[in-house]
Protein backbone atom coordinates (compact mmCIF):
# COMPACT_ATOMS: atom_id res chain seq x y z
CA MET A 1 -13.56 7.07 8.35
CA SER A 2 -15.61 10.21 8.43
CA ASP A 3 -14.19 11.69 11.63
CA GLY A 4 -10.53 10.80 11.04
CA ARG A 5 -10.38 8.73 14.23
CA ALA A 6 -10.73 5.36 12.50
CA ALA A 7 -7.41 5.91 10.74
CA GLY A 8 -5.70 6.54 14.08
CA PRO A 9 -2.48 8.53 14.18
CA ALA A 10 -2.07 8.22 10.39
CA ALA A 11 -5.01 10.61 9.96
CA LEU A 12 -2.88 13.38 11.52
CA LEU A 13 0.16 12.73 9.35
CA VAL A 14 0.49 14.43 5.97
CA PRO A 15 3.02 13.01 3.47
CA ASP A 16 5.15 16.19 3.69
CA ALA A 17 5.61 15.49 7.42
CA ILE A 18 7.30 12.13 6.79
CA ARG A 19 11.08 12.31 6.51
CA LEU A 20 12.90 8.99 6.25
CA HIS A 21 16.58 9.89 5.85
CA GLU A 22 17.32 12.44 8.57
CA ARG A 23 20.52 13.02 10.52
CA ALA A 24 20.91 14.70 13.90
CA ALA A 25 23.93 15.36 16.10
CA GLY A 26 21.90 14.65 19.24
CA LYS A 27 18.44 14.64 20.73
CA ALA A 28 18.11 18.45 20.76
CA ASP A 29 18.82 18.54 17.01
CA ALA A 30 16.32 15.72 16.44
CA ILE A 31 13.64 17.54 18.46
CA ARG A 32 14.34 20.78 16.56
CA ALA A 33 14.00 18.87 13.29
CA CYS A 34 10.60 17.53 14.39
CA GLY A 35 9.49 21.01 15.38
CA GLU A 36 10.66 22.48 12.08
CA VAL A 37 8.61 19.91 10.15
CA LEU A 38 5.52 20.75 12.22
CA VAL A 39 6.14 24.45 11.48
CA ALA A 40 6.70 23.78 7.77
CA THR A 41 3.41 21.88 7.48
CA GLY A 42 1.50 24.71 9.16
CA ALA A 43 0.52 22.73 12.24
CA VAL A 44 2.31 25.02 14.70
CA ALA A 45 3.87 28.46 14.95
CA PRO A 46 7.68 28.65 15.35
CA GLU A 47 7.41 29.27 19.11
CA TYR A 48 6.27 25.66 19.52
CA VAL A 49 9.83 24.39 18.95
CA PRO A 50 11.40 25.85 22.14
CA ALA A 51 8.48 24.41 24.14
CA MET A 52 9.35 20.97 22.70
CA LEU A 53 12.93 21.36 23.91
CA GLU A 54 11.64 22.52 27.31
CA ARG A 55 9.48 19.36 27.61
CA GLU A 56 12.52 17.18 26.99
CA GLU A 57 14.43 18.95 29.79
CA SER A 58 11.73 18.05 32.31
CA VAL A 59 10.61 14.60 31.06
CA SER A 60 12.23 12.39 28.45
CA THR A 61 10.03 11.67 25.47
CA TYR A 62 11.87 8.40 24.74
CA ILE A 63 9.33 5.57 25.02
CA GLY A 64 11.44 2.54 24.13
CA GLU A 65 11.87 0.35 21.04
CA GLY A 66 14.06 3.08 19.48
CA VAL A 67 11.21 5.60 19.44
CA ALA A 68 10.81 9.08 20.94
CA ILE A 69 7.63 11.14 20.82
CA PRO A 70 8.66 14.80 21.23
CA HIS A 71 5.92 17.27 22.09
CA ALA A 72 5.69 20.61 23.86
CA THR A 73 4.96 21.72 27.38
CA LEU A 74 1.68 23.39 28.22
CA ALA A 75 3.36 26.69 27.35
CA GLY A 76 3.50 25.59 23.72
CA LYS A 77 -0.25 24.98 23.39
CA ALA A 78 -0.94 28.53 22.19
CA ALA A 79 1.35 27.90 19.21
CA VAL A 80 -0.66 24.88 17.98
CA ARG A 81 -2.82 25.61 14.95
CA ARG A 82 -4.14 22.06 14.41
CA ASP A 83 -3.58 18.52 15.64
CA ALA A 84 -0.74 16.96 13.68
CA LEU A 85 2.10 14.46 13.71
CA CYS A 86 5.44 14.30 11.99
CA PHE A 87 7.52 11.17 11.46
CA LEU A 88 11.29 11.47 11.23
CA ARG A 89 13.48 8.44 10.76
CA PHE A 90 17.17 8.66 11.68
CA PRO A 91 18.75 5.57 10.05
CA ASP A 92 22.09 6.18 11.82
CA GLY A 93 20.37 6.63 15.18
CA VAL A 94 20.44 9.50 17.66
CA ASP A 95 21.83 9.25 21.19
CA TRP A 96 18.93 9.90 23.57
CA ASP A 97 20.51 9.88 27.00
CA GLY A 98 22.23 6.56 26.36
CA GLU A 99 19.43 5.03 24.28
CA THR A 100 19.47 4.96 20.48
CA VAL A 101 16.48 6.55 18.78
CA THR A 102 15.84 5.88 15.12
CA VAL A 103 12.27 7.21 14.95
CA CYS A 104 10.86 10.48 16.28
CA ILE A 105 7.14 11.07 16.07
CA GLY A 106 6.51 14.73 16.85
CA ILE A 107 3.09 15.66 18.21
CA ALA A 108 1.15 18.90 18.16
CA ALA A 109 -2.33 18.92 19.65
CA VAL A 110 -4.94 21.47 20.59
CA GLY A 111 -6.27 21.04 24.13
CA ASP A 112 -5.77 17.59 25.61
CA GLY A 113 -5.80 15.85 22.23
CA HIS A 114 -2.22 14.74 22.73
CA LEU A 115 -3.32 12.27 25.42
CA ASP A 116 -5.48 10.32 22.96
CA ILE A 117 -2.76 10.50 20.32
CA LEU A 118 -0.14 9.24 22.78
CA ALA A 119 -2.43 6.38 23.85
CA GLU A 120 -3.03 5.33 20.23
CA LEU A 121 0.68 5.53 19.40
CA ALA A 122 1.56 3.51 22.50
CA GLN A 123 -0.91 0.80 21.47
CA ILE A 124 0.79 0.54 18.09
CA LEU A 125 4.35 0.81 19.39
CA LEU A 126 3.89 -1.72 22.21
CA ASP A 127 3.93 -4.38 19.50
CA PRO A 128 7.68 -5.00 18.94
CA GLU A 129 7.06 -6.21 15.38
CA ARG A 130 5.18 -3.05 14.44
CA ALA A 131 7.78 -0.87 16.17
CA ALA A 132 10.53 -2.66 14.23
CA ALA A 133 8.62 -2.18 10.98
CA LEU A 134 8.40 1.56 11.69
CA ARG A 135 12.11 1.77 12.43
CA GLU A 136 12.80 0.06 9.10
CA ALA A 137 10.17 1.87 7.00
CA THR A 138 11.58 3.26 3.77
CA THR A 139 8.43 4.70 2.16
CA PRO A 140 5.78 7.14 3.38
CA ASP A 141 3.06 4.64 2.46
CA ARG A 142 4.64 2.06 4.78
CA VAL A 143 4.77 4.59 7.62
CA LEU A 144 1.11 5.49 7.13
CA ALA A 145 0.13 1.81 7.03
CA MET A 146 2.03 1.06 10.24
CA LEU A 147 0.44 4.03 12.04
CA THR A 148 -3.04 2.93 11.07
CA PRO A 149 -4.35 0.85 13.97
CA ALA A 150 -5.11 -2.78 13.24
CA PRO A 151 -8.72 -3.81 13.99
CA GLU A 152 -7.58 -5.64 17.13
CA ASP A 153 -6.28 -2.30 18.50
CA ASP A 154 -9.84 -0.93 18.61
CA PRO A 155 -11.85 -2.41 21.48
CA THR A 156 -15.08 -1.56 19.64
CA GLY A 157 -13.92 -3.41 16.51
CA PRO A 158 -13.93 -2.32 12.88
CA ASP A 159 -17.56 -1.22 12.84
CA ASP A 160 -17.19 1.94 10.78
CA GLY A 161 -18.84 0.56 7.64
CA ALA A 162 -15.62 0.79 5.64
CA ALA A 163 -14.35 -2.13 3.62
CA PRO A 164 -11.23 -3.82 5.08
CA ALA A 165 -8.94 -2.17 2.50
CA GLU A 166 -10.37 1.25 3.38
CA ARG A 167 -9.52 0.65 7.03
CA GLY A 168 -5.91 -0.13 6.13
CA GLU A 169 -6.14 -3.76 7.24
CA ARG A 170 -3.18 -5.91 6.42
C-alpha cells in the first residue's frame, strides 16, 4: 500500500473526519457540516464550503442507498489543499429532496482526482450490503473497513504484495 491507492477511499479519510452521530435540519446543513469537517482537518480552505452548496444547487449529490457525496464546483478547486474525504452519519436521516440520507461522504480533490474517488466510492456503494453496513456503522474502524475496497473490486486483483490483513480483507 505504498501509494495509498490500494486502500481505496479509506486512504483519504483520517479518523478526525469521521463523525457518526450528526444531526442536520436539511441537506444544506448536512453539506455545511461536511465542509466544516474538511476545513477542520486542513484539507480545504473555508471558501470550499460555499462551492459545495453551489454544486448541490446545480446537480444533486444524492447517489442512492441513503448516501450523498457532496463536493464542490470547479470554482472550489482553488480552495483544496489536499485530496480528502469526510464521513458523516446522520442516524435520524436528512431530507434530501424527498430522499432520506443517513450518510454523507464529502470529497475534496486536487485536479480531476474526484473522478477516481467517485468511481471507487460508487463501486463500494453499489453493493447494497456494503451500503447498508456503512449506514449502520457505529465505529470509525468499521467505516474505514467498509471504505477499503474488497479484492474483487480491483480488476487487477490484490497484487500489491501485502498480506490479506494488510489489505483490509474481510
